């Protein structure tokens, strides 16, 4: 018999998958960190920045793995101990750097526009990053070579708005898969919402609204 404070058991296949992912991710983090610190010898600043991006992406993935194994399906509210105060602009800018190589490989221009000043929020930083990752990845998948994807942060009262516009197929052709479903779920848990809109001239605007701004 379990009590409400017991940690639910992790299914064996999930635990095995998590174990197999942790090992290579730890190696990626270690070697990327060593390259960032130039442990093995001189590197150009560009290579150091690439190593930093790889390390950040691997750490994000490792945190997702840990969340996956700790997930409680009976819990619908965000855990308070995961909410912290941080600058959403810095967090989303990190995501922009992480996905820039993917955009380059697809031949798509990935632009970012952030207004001046910090965007102090109280939220789960992993959740905010995941929204940006999923919106950008979805837009890249829908945008043909030579197109443009634009990421912006906006402030509306106490709401933080993460918006991604693309020159792709439009809302009717948007890939509404697991990524956007997850974005809708994260927004709903935080008391926000998510919408897809057609852009004048073609393409899609995806907008996630989160009432998490503080110190406005």
N, C-alpha and C. Protein backbone atom coordinates (compact mmCIF):
# COMPACT_ATOMS: atom_id res chain seq x y z
N UNK A 1 0.85 -1.20 0.00
CA UNK A 1 0.00 0.00 0.00
C UNK A 1 0.88 1.25 0.00
N UNK A 2 0.51 2.22 -0.84
CA UNK A 2 1.29 3.44 -0.92
C UNK A 2 0.55 4.58 -0.24
N UNK A 3 1.26 5.58 0.15
CA UNK A 3 0.68 6.78 0.75
C UNK A 3 0.84 7.92 -0.23
N UNK A 4 0.14 9.06 -0.04
CA UNK A 4 0.24 10.18 -0.98
C UNK A 4 1.64 10.71 -1.14
N UNK A 5 2.51 10.47 -0.16
CA UNK A 5 3.87 11.01 -0.25
C UNK A 5 4.83 10.03 -0.90
N UNK A 6 4.37 8.81 -1.17
CA UNK A 6 5.24 7.83 -1.80
C UNK A 6 5.55 8.24 -3.23
N UNK A 7 6.75 7.93 -3.71
CA UNK A 7 7.11 8.16 -5.09
C UNK A 7 6.61 7.00 -5.93
N UNK A 8 5.80 7.23 -6.98
CA UNK A 8 5.29 6.12 -7.78
C UNK A 8 6.43 5.38 -8.45
N UNK A 9 6.33 4.04 -8.54
CA UNK A 9 7.41 3.27 -9.16
C UNK A 9 7.55 3.61 -10.64
N UNK A 10 8.78 3.64 -11.11
CA UNK A 10 9.04 3.92 -12.53
C UNK A 10 8.96 2.61 -13.30
N UNK A 11 8.14 2.54 -14.37
CA UNK A 11 8.06 1.30 -15.15
C UNK A 11 9.44 0.86 -15.63
N UNK A 12 9.67 -0.45 -15.64
CA UNK A 12 10.99 -0.98 -15.98
C UNK A 12 11.49 -0.51 -17.35
N UNK A 13 10.67 -0.54 -18.41
CA UNK A 13 11.17 -0.06 -19.71
C UNK A 13 11.59 1.41 -19.68
N UNK A 14 10.82 2.22 -18.95
CA UNK A 14 11.14 3.64 -18.86
C UNK A 14 12.43 3.85 -18.08
N UNK A 15 12.60 3.10 -17.00
CA UNK A 15 13.82 3.20 -16.20
C UNK A 15 15.04 2.78 -17.03
N UNK A 16 14.87 1.73 -17.83
CA UNK A 16 15.97 1.26 -18.68
C UNK A 16 16.32 2.31 -19.73
N UNK A 17 15.28 2.91 -20.34
CA UNK A 17 15.52 3.94 -21.34
C UNK A 17 16.24 5.13 -20.73
N UNK A 18 15.80 5.54 -19.55
CA UNK A 18 16.44 6.67 -18.86
C UNK A 18 17.90 6.37 -18.59
N UNK A 19 18.19 5.14 -18.15
CA UNK A 19 19.58 4.76 -17.87
C UNK A 19 20.43 4.84 -19.13
N UNK A 20 19.89 4.35 -20.25
CA UNK A 20 20.64 4.36 -21.51
C UNK A 20 20.86 5.77 -22.03
N UNK A 21 19.97 6.68 -21.70
CA UNK A 21 20.13 8.07 -22.15
C UNK A 21 21.09 8.85 -21.26
N UNK A 22 21.08 8.56 -19.96
CA UNK A 22 21.93 9.32 -19.05
C UNK A 22 23.41 9.16 -19.38
N UNK A 23 23.83 7.96 -19.72
CA UNK A 23 25.26 7.70 -19.94
C UNK A 23 25.83 8.53 -21.09
N UNK A 24 25.23 8.47 -22.30
CA UNK A 24 25.80 9.31 -23.37
C UNK A 24 25.63 10.80 -23.12
N UNK A 25 24.52 11.20 -22.48
CA UNK A 25 24.33 12.62 -22.20
C UNK A 25 25.39 13.13 -21.23
N UNK A 26 25.73 12.32 -20.24
CA UNK A 26 26.78 12.72 -19.30
C UNK A 26 28.11 12.88 -20.02
N UNK A 27 28.39 11.99 -20.98
CA UNK A 27 29.64 12.10 -21.75
C UNK A 27 29.64 13.37 -22.61
N UNK A 28 28.50 13.66 -23.25
CA UNK A 28 28.40 14.87 -24.08
C UNK A 28 28.62 16.11 -23.24
N UNK A 29 27.98 16.15 -22.07
CA UNK A 29 28.13 17.31 -21.18
C UNK A 29 29.58 17.46 -20.74
N UNK A 30 30.20 16.34 -20.39
CA UNK A 30 31.59 16.39 -19.92
C UNK A 30 32.55 16.88 -20.99
N UNK A 31 32.48 16.28 -22.18
CA UNK A 31 33.41 16.67 -23.24
C UNK A 31 33.12 18.07 -23.77
N UNK A 32 31.82 18.43 -23.86
CA UNK A 32 31.50 19.79 -24.32
C UNK A 32 32.00 20.82 -23.32
N UNK A 33 31.87 20.51 -22.03
CA UNK A 33 32.38 21.41 -21.01
C UNK A 33 33.89 21.55 -21.07
N UNK A 34 34.57 20.44 -21.34
CA UNK A 34 36.03 20.48 -21.46
C UNK A 34 36.46 21.33 -22.66
N UNK A 35 35.73 21.20 -23.77
CA UNK A 35 36.03 22.02 -24.95
C UNK A 35 35.76 23.49 -24.67
N UNK A 36 34.64 23.75 -23.97
CA UNK A 36 34.31 25.15 -23.64
C UNK A 36 35.40 25.78 -22.79
N UNK A 37 35.98 25.00 -21.89
CA UNK A 37 37.05 25.50 -21.03
C UNK A 37 38.43 25.42 -21.68
N UNK A 38 38.47 24.92 -22.94
CA UNK A 38 39.73 24.75 -23.69
C UNK A 38 40.71 23.84 -22.93
N UNK A 39 40.18 22.81 -22.30
CA UNK A 39 41.00 21.89 -21.51
C UNK A 39 42.03 21.17 -22.36
N UNK A 40 41.67 20.83 -23.59
CA UNK A 40 42.55 20.04 -24.44
C UNK A 40 43.43 20.88 -25.36
N UNK A 41 43.33 22.18 -25.25
CA UNK A 41 44.15 23.05 -26.08
C UNK A 41 43.37 24.22 -26.62
N UNK A 42 44.02 25.09 -27.39
CA UNK A 42 43.38 26.30 -27.90
C UNK A 42 42.24 25.98 -28.86
N UNK A 43 41.19 26.76 -28.79
CA UNK A 43 40.07 26.69 -29.71
C UNK A 43 39.62 28.11 -30.04
N UNK A 44 39.12 28.29 -31.24
CA UNK A 44 38.60 29.61 -31.59
C UNK A 44 37.34 29.89 -30.78
N UNK A 45 36.98 31.14 -30.66
CA UNK A 45 35.80 31.53 -29.90
C UNK A 45 34.54 30.91 -30.48
N UNK A 46 34.50 30.76 -31.80
CA UNK A 46 33.33 30.16 -32.45
C UNK A 46 33.14 28.71 -32.00
N UNK A 47 34.23 27.95 -31.91
CA UNK A 47 34.13 26.57 -31.46
C UNK A 47 33.73 26.51 -29.99
N UNK A 48 34.22 27.44 -29.20
CA UNK A 48 33.85 27.49 -27.78
C UNK A 48 32.35 27.75 -27.64
N UNK A 49 31.83 28.66 -28.45
CA UNK A 49 30.40 28.94 -28.40
C UNK A 49 29.58 27.75 -28.83
N UNK A 50 30.06 27.01 -29.84
CA UNK A 50 29.37 25.80 -30.28
C UNK A 50 29.36 24.75 -29.17
N UNK A 51 30.48 24.60 -28.49
CA UNK A 51 30.57 23.64 -27.38
C UNK A 51 29.61 24.02 -26.27
N UNK A 52 29.49 25.31 -25.99
CA UNK A 52 28.57 25.78 -24.96
C UNK A 52 27.13 25.45 -25.33
N UNK A 53 26.78 25.63 -26.61
CA UNK A 53 25.42 25.32 -27.08
C UNK A 53 25.14 23.83 -26.95
N UNK A 54 26.12 23.00 -27.33
CA UNK A 54 25.96 21.54 -27.21
C UNK A 54 25.76 21.15 -25.75
N UNK A 55 26.54 21.75 -24.87
CA UNK A 55 26.42 21.44 -23.44
C UNK A 55 25.04 21.85 -22.91
N UNK A 56 24.56 23.02 -23.29
CA UNK A 56 23.25 23.48 -22.83
C UNK A 56 22.14 22.56 -23.34
N UNK A 57 22.23 22.13 -24.60
CA UNK A 57 21.22 21.24 -25.15
C UNK A 57 21.23 19.89 -24.43
N UNK A 58 22.40 19.37 -24.15
CA UNK A 58 22.51 18.08 -23.46
C UNK A 58 21.98 18.18 -22.04
N UNK A 59 22.26 19.28 -21.36
CA UNK A 59 21.75 19.46 -19.99
C UNK A 59 20.22 19.55 -20.00
N UNK A 60 19.67 20.23 -21.01
CA UNK A 60 18.22 20.33 -21.13
C UNK A 60 17.63 18.93 -21.32
N UNK A 61 18.24 18.13 -22.19
CA UNK A 61 17.74 16.78 -22.43
C UNK A 61 17.85 15.91 -21.19
N UNK A 62 18.95 16.06 -20.46
CA UNK A 62 19.12 15.27 -19.24
C UNK A 62 18.06 15.63 -18.20
N UNK A 63 17.73 16.90 -18.10
CA UNK A 63 16.69 17.32 -17.16
C UNK A 63 15.33 16.74 -17.57
N UNK A 64 15.08 16.69 -18.88
CA UNK A 64 13.84 16.08 -19.36
C UNK A 64 13.78 14.60 -18.99
N UNK A 65 14.91 13.92 -19.11
CA UNK A 65 14.96 12.50 -18.74
C UNK A 65 14.63 12.34 -17.26
N UNK A 66 15.20 13.20 -16.42
CA UNK A 66 14.94 13.11 -14.98
C UNK A 66 13.47 13.41 -14.68
N UNK A 67 12.90 14.38 -15.38
CA UNK A 67 11.48 14.69 -15.18
C UNK A 67 10.61 13.51 -15.63
N UNK A 68 11.02 12.87 -16.71
CA UNK A 68 10.25 11.75 -17.25
C UNK A 68 10.15 10.62 -16.24
N UNK A 69 11.26 10.32 -15.57
CA UNK A 69 11.25 9.21 -14.61
C UNK A 69 10.57 9.60 -13.30
N UNK A 70 10.45 10.90 -13.04
CA UNK A 70 9.81 11.36 -11.80
C UNK A 70 8.36 11.76 -12.02
N UNK A 71 7.86 11.60 -13.24
CA UNK A 71 6.51 12.06 -13.57
C UNK A 71 5.44 11.30 -12.80
N UNK A 72 4.50 12.05 -12.22
CA UNK A 72 3.37 11.47 -11.51
C UNK A 72 2.10 11.76 -12.30
N UNK A 73 1.47 10.76 -12.93
CA UNK A 73 0.29 11.01 -13.77
C UNK A 73 -0.91 11.51 -12.99
N UNK A 74 -0.91 11.37 -11.66
CA UNK A 74 -2.04 11.83 -10.85
C UNK A 74 -1.92 13.29 -10.46
N UNK A 75 -0.81 13.93 -10.88
CA UNK A 75 -0.58 15.33 -10.49
C UNK A 75 -0.83 16.22 -11.68
N UNK A 76 -1.76 17.17 -11.57
CA UNK A 76 -2.11 18.04 -12.69
C UNK A 76 -1.58 19.46 -12.51
N UNK A 77 -1.15 19.81 -11.30
CA UNK A 77 -0.67 21.16 -11.05
C UNK A 77 0.85 21.20 -11.12
N UNK A 78 1.43 22.33 -11.53
CA UNK A 78 2.89 22.44 -11.54
C UNK A 78 3.44 22.37 -10.14
N UNK A 79 4.57 21.71 -9.96
CA UNK A 79 5.17 21.59 -8.65
C UNK A 79 5.82 22.91 -8.24
N UNK A 80 5.45 23.40 -7.04
CA UNK A 80 5.92 24.71 -6.61
C UNK A 80 7.44 24.77 -6.51
N UNK A 81 8.07 23.65 -6.12
CA UNK A 81 9.51 23.70 -5.93
C UNK A 81 10.26 23.78 -7.25
N UNK A 82 9.57 23.66 -8.37
CA UNK A 82 10.21 23.80 -9.67
C UNK A 82 10.09 25.22 -10.20
N UNK A 83 9.27 26.03 -9.59
CA UNK A 83 9.10 27.41 -10.04
C UNK A 83 10.16 28.29 -9.40
N UNK A 84 10.81 29.08 -10.21
CA UNK A 84 11.83 29.99 -9.73
C UNK A 84 11.78 31.29 -10.49
N UNK A 85 12.46 32.29 -9.99
CA UNK A 85 12.53 33.58 -10.66
C UNK A 85 13.72 33.60 -11.60
N UNK A 86 13.49 33.98 -12.84
CA UNK A 86 14.58 34.04 -13.82
C UNK A 86 14.20 35.00 -14.94
N UNK A 87 15.18 35.32 -15.78
CA UNK A 87 14.97 36.20 -16.92
C UNK A 87 14.57 35.34 -18.12
N UNK A 88 13.30 35.43 -18.51
CA UNK A 88 12.81 34.63 -19.63
C UNK A 88 13.53 34.96 -20.93
N UNK A 89 13.99 36.20 -21.06
CA UNK A 89 14.70 36.59 -22.28
C UNK A 89 15.99 35.79 -22.43
N UNK A 90 16.72 35.60 -21.33
CA UNK A 90 17.96 34.82 -21.38
C UNK A 90 17.66 33.36 -21.68
N UNK A 91 16.60 32.82 -21.08
CA UNK A 91 16.25 31.41 -21.28
C UNK A 91 15.86 31.15 -22.73
N UNK A 92 15.04 32.04 -23.30
CA UNK A 92 14.58 31.84 -24.67
C UNK A 92 15.72 32.11 -25.67
N UNK A 93 16.59 33.06 -25.34
CA UNK A 93 17.76 33.31 -26.20
C UNK A 93 18.65 32.07 -26.26
N UNK A 94 18.76 31.35 -25.16
CA UNK A 94 19.53 30.11 -25.14
C UNK A 94 18.93 29.09 -26.08
N UNK A 95 17.59 29.00 -26.11
CA UNK A 95 16.91 28.09 -27.03
C UNK A 95 17.18 28.50 -28.48
N UNK A 96 17.16 29.81 -28.74
CA UNK A 96 17.44 30.30 -30.09
C UNK A 96 18.81 29.84 -30.55
N UNK A 97 19.82 29.95 -29.67
CA UNK A 97 21.17 29.50 -30.03
C UNK A 97 21.21 27.99 -30.25
N UNK A 98 20.46 27.24 -29.45
CA UNK A 98 20.44 25.79 -29.56
C UNK A 98 19.90 25.33 -30.91
N UNK A 99 18.88 26.03 -31.42
CA UNK A 99 18.21 25.58 -32.64
C UNK A 99 18.74 26.26 -33.90
N UNK A 100 19.68 27.19 -33.74
CA UNK A 100 20.25 27.86 -34.92
C UNK A 100 20.89 26.87 -35.90
N UNK A 101 21.66 25.87 -35.43
CA UNK A 101 22.24 24.91 -36.39
C UNK A 101 21.18 24.13 -37.16
N UNK A 102 20.06 23.81 -36.52
CA UNK A 102 18.98 23.11 -37.21
C UNK A 102 18.39 23.98 -38.31
N UNK A 103 18.22 25.27 -38.02
CA UNK A 103 17.71 26.20 -39.03
C UNK A 103 18.70 26.32 -40.19
N UNK A 104 19.99 26.42 -39.87
CA UNK A 104 21.01 26.54 -40.92
C UNK A 104 20.99 25.31 -41.83
N UNK A 105 20.84 24.13 -41.22
CA UNK A 105 20.83 22.90 -42.01
C UNK A 105 19.62 22.83 -42.94
N UNK A 106 18.52 23.43 -42.55
CA UNK A 106 17.31 23.44 -43.37
C UNK A 106 17.30 24.59 -44.38
N UNK A 107 18.27 25.49 -44.28
CA UNK A 107 18.29 26.64 -45.18
C UNK A 107 17.23 27.66 -44.84
N UNK A 108 16.88 27.75 -43.55
CA UNK A 108 15.84 28.67 -43.09
C UNK A 108 16.49 29.72 -42.19
N UNK A 109 16.11 30.98 -42.38
CA UNK A 109 16.62 32.06 -41.54
C UNK A 109 15.85 32.06 -40.21
N UNK A 110 16.58 31.99 -39.10
CA UNK A 110 15.96 32.00 -37.77
C UNK A 110 16.32 33.31 -37.09
N UNK A 111 15.36 34.20 -36.98
CA UNK A 111 15.59 35.52 -36.39
C UNK A 111 14.98 35.58 -34.99
N UNK A 112 15.50 36.49 -34.18
CA UNK A 112 14.98 36.69 -32.82
C UNK A 112 14.90 38.18 -32.55
N UNK A 113 13.81 38.60 -31.92
CA UNK A 113 13.63 40.00 -31.57
C UNK A 113 13.15 40.08 -30.13
N UNK A 114 14.01 40.63 -29.26
CA UNK A 114 13.68 40.78 -27.86
C UNK A 114 13.72 42.26 -27.48
N UNK A 115 12.65 42.80 -26.92
CA UNK A 115 12.69 44.19 -26.46
C UNK A 115 13.74 44.38 -25.37
N UNK A 116 14.17 45.60 -25.18
CA UNK A 116 15.19 45.90 -24.18
C UNK A 116 14.66 45.62 -22.78
N UNK A 117 15.58 45.24 -21.90
CA UNK A 117 15.21 45.02 -20.51
C UNK A 117 14.90 43.56 -20.23
N UNK A 118 15.09 43.14 -18.98
CA UNK A 118 14.83 41.76 -18.61
C UNK A 118 13.33 41.46 -18.54
N UNK A 119 13.00 40.21 -18.71
CA UNK A 119 11.64 39.72 -18.56
C UNK A 119 11.63 38.79 -17.34
N UNK A 120 11.50 39.38 -16.15
CA UNK A 120 11.52 38.57 -14.93
C UNK A 120 10.22 37.80 -14.81
N UNK A 121 10.33 36.49 -14.64
CA UNK A 121 9.16 35.64 -14.51
C UNK A 121 9.35 34.69 -13.33
N UNK A 122 8.25 34.15 -12.84
CA UNK A 122 8.31 33.08 -11.86
C UNK A 122 7.62 31.88 -12.47
N UNK A 123 8.41 30.87 -12.81
CA UNK A 123 7.87 29.71 -13.51
C UNK A 123 8.92 28.61 -13.49
N UNK A 124 8.57 27.51 -14.11
CA UNK A 124 9.49 26.40 -14.30
C UNK A 124 10.31 26.71 -15.56
N UNK A 125 11.60 26.97 -15.39
CA UNK A 125 12.42 27.38 -16.52
C UNK A 125 12.45 26.31 -17.61
N UNK A 126 12.42 25.04 -17.24
CA UNK A 126 12.43 23.98 -18.24
C UNK A 126 11.16 24.04 -19.09
N UNK A 127 10.02 24.34 -18.46
CA UNK A 127 8.77 24.41 -19.20
C UNK A 127 8.78 25.57 -20.19
N UNK A 128 9.30 26.74 -19.76
CA UNK A 128 9.36 27.89 -20.65
C UNK A 128 10.28 27.60 -21.84
N UNK A 129 11.41 26.98 -21.57
CA UNK A 129 12.32 26.62 -22.66
C UNK A 129 11.66 25.63 -23.60
N UNK A 130 10.93 24.67 -23.05
CA UNK A 130 10.31 23.64 -23.90
C UNK A 130 9.27 24.24 -24.82
N UNK A 131 8.53 25.25 -24.35
CA UNK A 131 7.58 25.94 -25.23
C UNK A 131 8.31 26.54 -26.42
N UNK A 132 9.40 27.27 -26.15
CA UNK A 132 10.15 27.90 -27.23
C UNK A 132 10.73 26.85 -28.18
N UNK A 133 11.29 25.78 -27.63
CA UNK A 133 11.85 24.71 -28.47
C UNK A 133 10.80 24.14 -29.40
N UNK A 134 9.63 23.80 -28.85
CA UNK A 134 8.60 23.15 -29.65
C UNK A 134 8.02 24.08 -30.71
N UNK A 135 7.83 25.36 -30.35
CA UNK A 135 7.28 26.30 -31.33
C UNK A 135 8.26 26.53 -32.48
N UNK A 136 9.54 26.69 -32.15
CA UNK A 136 10.53 26.91 -33.21
C UNK A 136 10.69 25.66 -34.07
N UNK A 137 10.79 24.50 -33.44
CA UNK A 137 10.97 23.25 -34.19
C UNK A 137 9.79 23.01 -35.12
N UNK A 138 8.57 23.28 -34.65
CA UNK A 138 7.39 23.11 -35.48
C UNK A 138 7.41 24.06 -36.68
N UNK A 139 7.81 25.31 -36.42
CA UNK A 139 7.88 26.30 -37.50
C UNK A 139 8.94 25.93 -38.52
N UNK A 140 10.09 25.44 -38.07
CA UNK A 140 11.15 25.03 -38.99
C UNK A 140 10.68 23.89 -39.88
N UNK A 141 9.93 22.95 -39.29
CA UNK A 141 9.46 21.81 -40.05
C UNK A 141 8.44 22.22 -41.12
N UNK A 142 7.72 23.32 -40.89
CA UNK A 142 6.69 23.77 -41.83
C UNK A 142 7.19 24.78 -42.84
N UNK A 143 8.44 25.23 -42.70
CA UNK A 143 8.96 26.31 -43.55
C UNK A 143 9.92 25.76 -44.59
N UNK A 144 9.69 26.06 -45.87
CA UNK A 144 10.59 25.57 -46.92
C UNK A 144 11.93 26.29 -46.92
N UNK A 145 12.90 25.68 -47.56
CA UNK A 145 14.23 26.28 -47.69
C UNK A 145 14.10 27.68 -48.29
N UNK A 146 14.84 28.61 -47.70
CA UNK A 146 14.76 30.00 -48.14
C UNK A 146 13.74 30.82 -47.37
N UNK A 147 12.97 30.15 -46.50
CA UNK A 147 11.96 30.86 -45.72
C UNK A 147 12.53 31.44 -44.44
N UNK A 148 11.65 32.01 -43.63
CA UNK A 148 12.07 32.69 -42.42
C UNK A 148 11.20 32.27 -41.24
N UNK A 149 11.84 32.08 -40.09
CA UNK A 149 11.15 31.84 -38.83
C UNK A 149 11.61 32.94 -37.87
N UNK A 150 10.65 33.60 -37.23
CA UNK A 150 10.97 34.72 -36.33
C UNK A 150 10.44 34.42 -34.94
N UNK A 151 11.30 34.61 -33.95
CA UNK A 151 10.96 34.41 -32.55
C UNK A 151 10.92 35.76 -31.84
N UNK A 152 9.84 36.02 -31.10
CA UNK A 152 9.75 37.27 -30.35
C UNK A 152 9.22 37.00 -28.94
N UNK A 153 9.62 37.87 -28.03
CA UNK A 153 9.05 37.91 -26.69
C UNK A 153 8.28 39.22 -26.57
N UNK A 154 7.10 39.14 -25.98
CA UNK A 154 6.27 40.32 -25.81
C UNK A 154 5.75 40.37 -24.38
N UNK A 155 5.42 41.57 -23.92
CA UNK A 155 4.87 41.77 -22.59
C UNK A 155 3.48 42.38 -22.73
N UNK A 156 2.50 41.78 -22.05
CA UNK A 156 1.14 42.31 -22.06
C UNK A 156 0.59 42.21 -20.64
N UNK A 157 0.67 43.31 -19.89
CA UNK A 157 0.28 43.26 -18.49
C UNK A 157 1.19 42.32 -17.72
N UNK A 158 0.60 41.33 -17.05
CA UNK A 158 1.37 40.33 -16.33
C UNK A 158 1.67 39.11 -17.19
N UNK A 159 1.34 39.18 -18.47
CA UNK A 159 1.51 38.02 -19.35
C UNK A 159 2.82 38.08 -20.13
N UNK A 160 3.51 36.97 -20.17
CA UNK A 160 4.64 36.79 -21.07
C UNK A 160 4.12 36.09 -22.32
N UNK A 161 4.42 36.64 -23.48
CA UNK A 161 3.98 36.05 -24.74
C UNK A 161 5.20 35.61 -25.53
N UNK A 162 5.26 34.33 -25.83
CA UNK A 162 6.29 33.77 -26.69
C UNK A 162 5.64 33.52 -28.04
N UNK A 163 6.09 34.23 -29.06
CA UNK A 163 5.48 34.14 -30.38
C UNK A 163 6.51 33.71 -31.42
N UNK A 164 6.08 32.83 -32.31
CA UNK A 164 6.93 32.36 -33.40
C UNK A 164 6.14 32.47 -34.70
N UNK A 165 6.70 33.19 -35.65
CA UNK A 165 6.08 33.35 -36.96
C UNK A 165 6.93 32.66 -38.01
N UNK A 166 6.27 32.10 -39.02
CA UNK A 166 7.00 31.45 -40.10
C UNK A 166 6.38 31.81 -41.44
N UNK A 167 7.10 31.49 -42.50
CA UNK A 167 6.62 31.73 -43.86
C UNK A 167 6.28 30.41 -44.52
N UNK A 168 5.75 29.48 -43.73
CA UNK A 168 5.45 28.14 -44.22
C UNK A 168 4.06 27.98 -44.78
N UNK A 169 3.45 26.82 -44.46
CA UNK A 169 2.22 26.41 -45.11
C UNK A 169 0.96 27.05 -44.55
N UNK A 170 1.06 27.78 -43.45
CA UNK A 170 -0.13 28.36 -42.85
C UNK A 170 -0.75 27.42 -41.84
N UNK A 171 -1.73 27.90 -41.03
CA UNK A 171 -2.32 27.08 -39.97
C UNK A 171 -2.91 25.76 -40.45
N UNK A 172 -3.50 25.77 -41.66
CA UNK A 172 -4.11 24.54 -42.16
C UNK A 172 -3.06 23.47 -42.45
N UNK A 173 -1.83 23.91 -42.71
CA UNK A 173 -0.76 22.95 -43.00
C UNK A 173 0.21 22.77 -41.87
N UNK A 174 -0.07 23.40 -40.73
CA UNK A 174 0.83 23.30 -39.59
C UNK A 174 0.85 21.87 -39.05
N UNK A 175 2.01 21.46 -38.57
CA UNK A 175 2.17 20.11 -38.03
C UNK A 175 1.75 20.13 -36.57
N UNK A 176 0.47 19.80 -36.32
CA UNK A 176 -0.08 19.88 -34.97
C UNK A 176 0.08 18.54 -34.28
N UNK A 177 1.32 18.21 -33.93
CA UNK A 177 1.61 16.91 -33.34
C UNK A 177 1.86 16.99 -31.86
N UNK A 178 2.74 16.10 -31.38
CA UNK A 178 3.02 16.03 -29.95
C UNK A 178 3.60 17.34 -29.42
N UNK A 179 4.44 18.00 -30.22
CA UNK A 179 5.10 19.23 -29.76
C UNK A 179 4.11 20.31 -29.40
N UNK A 180 3.15 20.59 -30.28
CA UNK A 180 2.17 21.64 -30.00
C UNK A 180 1.18 21.21 -28.93
N UNK A 181 0.88 19.91 -28.87
CA UNK A 181 0.01 19.41 -27.80
C UNK A 181 0.65 19.65 -26.44
N UNK A 182 1.96 19.44 -26.37
CA UNK A 182 2.69 19.69 -25.12
C UNK A 182 2.67 21.17 -24.78
N UNK A 183 2.83 22.04 -25.77
CA UNK A 183 2.78 23.48 -25.54
C UNK A 183 1.41 23.87 -24.96
N UNK A 184 0.34 23.35 -25.54
CA UNK A 184 -1.00 23.64 -25.03
C UNK A 184 -1.13 23.20 -23.58
N UNK A 185 -0.59 22.02 -23.27
CA UNK A 185 -0.68 21.52 -21.91
C UNK A 185 0.08 22.37 -20.91
N UNK A 186 1.31 22.79 -21.28
CA UNK A 186 2.11 23.63 -20.39
C UNK A 186 1.41 24.96 -20.15
N UNK A 187 0.87 25.55 -21.22
CA UNK A 187 0.16 26.83 -21.07
C UNK A 187 -1.05 26.68 -20.16
N UNK A 188 -1.80 25.61 -20.34
CA UNK A 188 -3.01 25.40 -19.55
C UNK A 188 -2.67 25.24 -18.07
N UNK A 189 -1.62 24.48 -17.77
CA UNK A 189 -1.23 24.26 -16.38
C UNK A 189 -0.83 25.57 -15.70
N UNK A 190 -0.25 26.49 -16.48
CA UNK A 190 0.19 27.76 -15.92
C UNK A 190 -0.90 28.84 -16.00
N UNK A 191 -2.12 28.46 -16.40
CA UNK A 191 -3.21 29.43 -16.46
C UNK A 191 -3.18 30.29 -17.71
N UNK A 192 -2.43 29.87 -18.72
CA UNK A 192 -2.34 30.62 -19.97
C UNK A 192 -3.08 29.95 -21.10
N UNK A 193 -2.73 30.30 -22.32
CA UNK A 193 -3.37 29.67 -23.48
C UNK A 193 -2.42 29.69 -24.67
N UNK A 194 -2.83 29.01 -25.73
CA UNK A 194 -2.02 28.88 -26.94
C UNK A 194 -2.92 29.02 -28.15
N UNK A 195 -2.41 29.67 -29.20
CA UNK A 195 -3.21 29.86 -30.41
C UNK A 195 -2.33 29.83 -31.65
N UNK A 196 -2.91 29.34 -32.74
CA UNK A 196 -2.29 29.39 -34.06
C UNK A 196 -3.11 30.33 -34.93
N UNK A 197 -2.44 31.26 -35.61
CA UNK A 197 -3.13 32.23 -36.44
C UNK A 197 -2.47 32.31 -37.81
N UNK A 198 -3.27 32.59 -38.83
CA UNK A 198 -2.74 32.81 -40.17
C UNK A 198 -2.11 34.19 -40.25
N UNK A 199 -0.96 34.29 -40.91
CA UNK A 199 -0.30 35.58 -41.12
C UNK A 199 -0.74 36.16 -42.44
N UNK A 200 -0.90 37.46 -42.50
CA UNK A 200 -1.19 38.10 -43.77
C UNK A 200 0.01 37.92 -44.68
N UNK A 201 -0.23 37.44 -45.87
CA UNK A 201 0.87 37.18 -46.80
C UNK A 201 1.36 35.74 -46.74
N UNK A 202 0.76 34.93 -45.86
CA UNK A 202 1.14 33.53 -45.80
C UNK A 202 1.93 33.19 -44.55
N UNK A 203 1.84 31.94 -44.16
CA UNK A 203 2.56 31.49 -42.98
C UNK A 203 1.69 31.46 -41.74
N UNK A 204 2.33 31.20 -40.61
CA UNK A 204 1.62 31.00 -39.35
C UNK A 204 2.26 31.79 -38.22
N UNK A 205 1.44 32.25 -37.32
CA UNK A 205 1.91 32.83 -36.07
C UNK A 205 1.41 31.94 -34.93
N UNK A 206 2.35 31.39 -34.17
CA UNK A 206 2.03 30.57 -33.00
C UNK A 206 2.32 31.40 -31.77
N UNK A 207 1.36 31.47 -30.85
CA UNK A 207 1.52 32.36 -29.70
C UNK A 207 1.16 31.64 -28.41
N UNK A 208 2.11 31.59 -27.48
CA UNK A 208 1.88 31.03 -26.16
C UNK A 208 1.84 32.17 -25.15
N UNK A 209 0.76 32.23 -24.37
CA UNK A 209 0.61 33.28 -23.36
C UNK A 209 0.68 32.67 -21.97
N UNK A 210 1.57 33.21 -21.14
CA UNK A 210 1.76 32.70 -19.79
C UNK A 210 1.68 33.87 -18.79
N UNK A 211 0.77 33.84 -17.83
CA UNK A 211 0.66 34.93 -16.85
C UNK A 211 1.68 34.75 -15.72
N UNK A 212 2.96 34.92 -16.04
CA UNK A 212 4.02 34.59 -15.10
C UNK A 212 5.00 35.75 -14.88
N UNK A 213 4.75 36.92 -15.50
CA UNK A 213 5.67 38.04 -15.32
C UNK A 213 5.57 38.59 -13.90
N UNK A 214 6.70 39.00 -13.37
CA UNK A 214 6.73 39.59 -12.03
C UNK A 214 7.51 40.91 -12.10
N UNK A 215 7.22 41.79 -11.19
CA UNK A 215 7.96 43.05 -11.11
C UNK A 215 7.68 43.98 -12.25
N UNK A 216 6.47 43.88 -12.84
CA UNK A 216 6.15 44.76 -13.98
C UNK A 216 5.75 46.14 -13.48
